[in-house]
Amino acid sequence: MAILLITIQLFFWLSDGGIREAWNLEKEVELRFDKNQELEERNSSLEAEVFDLKQGLSAIEERARTDLGMISQEETYYHIIDE
């Protein structure tokens, strides 16, 4: 009876479908959940940016300023050169 109990316990702890695999799967689920949270935050940020670009000129102007170096007529452009 004791040998049978030990065999069952070993199978439960060390087999492919045992508790060790269940722990590994739980860790993987947590990692994927965290990654999904990051991607959802990124998607909502991109969605807000797309909405701004579709609705208003201020977002387009901001994009042109940062990406293309656009300045308005009332502004003066200064280029500072580091030594």
C-alpha atoms as a PDB file:
ATOM      1  CA  MET A   1       0.000   0.000   0.000  1.00  0.00           C
ATOM      2  CA  ALA A   2       2.832   2.385   0.861  1.00  0.00           C
ATOM      3  CA  ILE A   3       4.607   1.645  -2.431  1.00  0.00           C
ATOM      4  CA  LEU A   4       1.396   2.365  -4.304  1.00  0.00           C
ATOM      5  CA  LEU A   5       0.959   5.650  -2.436  1.00  0.00           C
ATOM      6  CA  ILE A   6       4.570   6.684  -3.179  1.00  0.00           C
ATOM      7  CA  THR A   7       4.146   5.775  -6.845  1.00  0.00           C
ATOM      8  CA  ILE A   8       0.983   7.830  -7.122  1.00  0.00           C
ATOM      9  CA  GLN A   9       2.654  10.797  -5.401  1.00  0.00           C
ATOM     10  CA  LEU A  10       5.687  10.595  -7.702  1.00  0.00           C
ATOM     11  CA  PHE A  11       3.423  10.477 -10.733  1.00  0.00           C
ATOM     12  CA  PHE A  12       1.439  13.440  -9.402  1.00  0.00           C
ATOM     13  CA  TRP A  13       4.538  15.602  -8.774  1.00  0.00           C
ATOM     14  CA  LEU A  14       6.878  14.581 -11.584  1.00  0.00           C
ATOM     15  CA  SER A  15       4.779  13.559 -14.570  1.00  0.00           C
ATOM     16  CA  ASP A  16       4.079  15.684 -17.652  1.00  0.00           C
ATOM     17  CA  GLY A  17       0.553  16.450 -16.521  1.00  0.00           C
ATOM     18  CA  GLY A  18       1.496  16.910 -12.884  1.00  0.00           C
ATOM     19  CA  ILE A  19       1.600  19.805 -10.488  1.00  0.00           C
ATOM     20  CA  ARG A  20       4.932  21.115 -11.789  1.00  0.00           C
ATOM     21  CA  GLU A  21       3.461  21.660 -15.239  1.00  0.00           C
ATOM     22  CA  ALA A  22       0.419  23.336 -13.694  1.00  0.00           C
ATOM     23  CA  TRP A  23       2.716  25.806 -11.877  1.00  0.00           C
ATOM     24  CA  ASN A  24       4.600  26.530 -15.096  1.00  0.00           C
ATOM     25  CA  LEU A  25       1.347  27.133 -16.935  1.00  0.00           C
ATOM     26  CA  GLU A  26       0.157  29.506 -14.208  1.00  0.00           C
ATOM     27  CA  LYS A  27       3.385  31.513 -14.532  1.00  0.00           C
ATOM     28  CA  GLU A  28       2.972  31.673 -18.305  1.00  0.00           C
ATOM     29  CA  VAL A  29      -0.630  32.846 -17.933  1.00  0.00           C
ATOM     30  CA  GLU A  30       0.519  35.649 -15.608  1.00  0.00           C
ATOM     31  CA  LEU A  31       3.221  36.727 -18.081  1.00  0.00           C
ATOM     32  CA  ARG A  32       0.764  36.788 -20.965  1.00  0.00           C
ATOM     33  CA  PHE A  33      -1.783  38.681 -18.885  1.00  0.00           C
ATOM     34  CA  ASP A  34       0.824  41.358 -18.105  1.00  0.00           C
ATOM     35  CA  LYS A  35       1.804  41.567 -21.775  1.00  0.00           C
ATOM     36  CA  ASN A  36      -1.871  41.889 -22.758  1.00  0.00           C
ATOM     37  CA  GLN A  37      -2.289  44.757 -20.286  1.00  0.00           C
ATOM     38  CA  GLU A  38       0.675  46.583 -21.837  1.00  0.00           C
ATOM     39  CA  LEU A  39      -0.710  46.057 -25.331  1.00  0.00           C
ATOM     40  CA  GLU A  40      -4.170  47.264 -24.309  1.00  0.00           C
ATOM     41  CA  GLU A  41      -2.663  50.460 -22.882  1.00  0.00           C
ATOM     42  CA  ARG A  42      -0.651  50.970 -26.073  1.00  0.00           C
ATOM     43  CA  ASN A  43      -3.734  50.355 -28.220  1.00  0.00           C
ATOM     44  CA  SER A  44      -5.824  52.853 -26.279  1.00  0.00           C
ATOM     45  CA  SER A  45      -3.056  55.440 -26.606  1.00  0.00           C
ATOM     46  CA  LEU A  46      -2.845  54.869 -30.352  1.00  0.00           C
ATOM     47  CA  GLU A  47      -6.614  54.984 -30.638  1.00  0.00           C
ATOM     48  CA  ALA A  48      -6.688  58.352 -28.876  1.00  0.00           C
ATOM     49  CA  GLU A  49      -3.963  59.659 -31.171  1.00  0.00           C
ATOM     50  CA  VAL A  50      -5.855  58.499 -34.272  1.00  0.00           C
ATOM     51  CA  PHE A  51      -9.004  60.181 -32.975  1.00  0.00           C
ATOM     52  CA  ASP A  52      -7.095  63.433 -32.415  1.00  0.00           C
ATOM     53  CA  LEU A  53      -5.595  63.269 -35.892  1.00  0.00           C
ATOM     54  CA  LYS A  54      -9.010  62.718 -37.452  1.00  0.00           C
ATOM     55  CA  GLN A  55     -10.825  65.398 -35.435  1.00  0.00           C
ATOM     56  CA  GLY A  56      -8.492  68.339 -34.965  1.00  0.00           C
ATOM     57  CA  LEU A  57      -5.745  70.285 -36.609  1.00  0.00           C
ATOM     58  CA  SER A  58      -3.857  70.804 -33.365  1.00  0.00           C
ATOM     59  CA  ALA A  59      -2.735  67.174 -33.279  1.00  0.00           C
ATOM     60  CA  ILE A  60      -1.641  67.348 -36.906  1.00  0.00           C
ATOM     61  CA  GLU A  61       0.251  70.570 -36.224  1.00  0.00           C
ATOM     62  CA  GLU A  62       1.943  69.024 -33.182  1.00  0.00           C
ATOM     63  CA  ARG A  63       3.001  66.015 -35.279  1.00  0.00           C
ATOM     64  CA  ALA A  64       4.383  68.305 -37.988  1.00  0.00           C
ATOM     65  CA  ARG A  65       6.322  70.314 -35.397  1.00  0.00           C
ATOM     66  CA  THR A  66       7.953  67.310 -33.759  1.00  0.00           C
ATOM     67  CA  ASP A  67       8.519  65.146 -36.838  1.00  0.00           C
ATOM     68  CA  LEU A  68       9.104  67.692 -39.587  1.00  0.00           C
ATOM     69  CA  GLY A  69      10.357  70.759 -37.700  1.00  0.00           C
ATOM     70  CA  MET A  70       7.479  73.004 -38.765  1.00  0.00           C
ATOM     71  CA  ILE A  71       7.303  76.555 -37.385  1.00  0.00           C
ATOM     72  CA  SER A  72       4.488  79.069 -37.678  1.00  0.00           C
ATOM     73  CA  GLN A  73       4.740  82.532 -39.224  1.00  0.00           C
ATOM     74  CA  GLU A  74       4.873  84.275 -35.836  1.00  0.00           C
ATOM     75  CA  GLU A  75       7.777  82.161 -34.582  1.00  0.00           C
ATOM     76  CA  THR A  76      11.504  82.589 -35.026  1.00  0.00           C
ATOM     77  CA  TYR A  77      13.647  79.552 -35.669  1.00  0.00           C
ATOM     78  CA  TYR A  78      16.894  79.232 -33.700  1.00  0.00           C
ATOM     79  CA  HIS A  79      19.364  76.457 -34.373  1.00  0.00           C
ATOM     80  CA  ILE A  80      21.777  75.843 -31.489  1.00  0.00           C
ATOM     81  CA  ILE A  81      24.933  73.946 -32.305  1.00  0.00           C
ATOM     82  CA  ASP A  82      26.636  72.012 -29.509  1.00  0.00           C
ATOM     83  CA  GLU A  83      30.391  72.276 -29.281  1.00  0.00           C
END
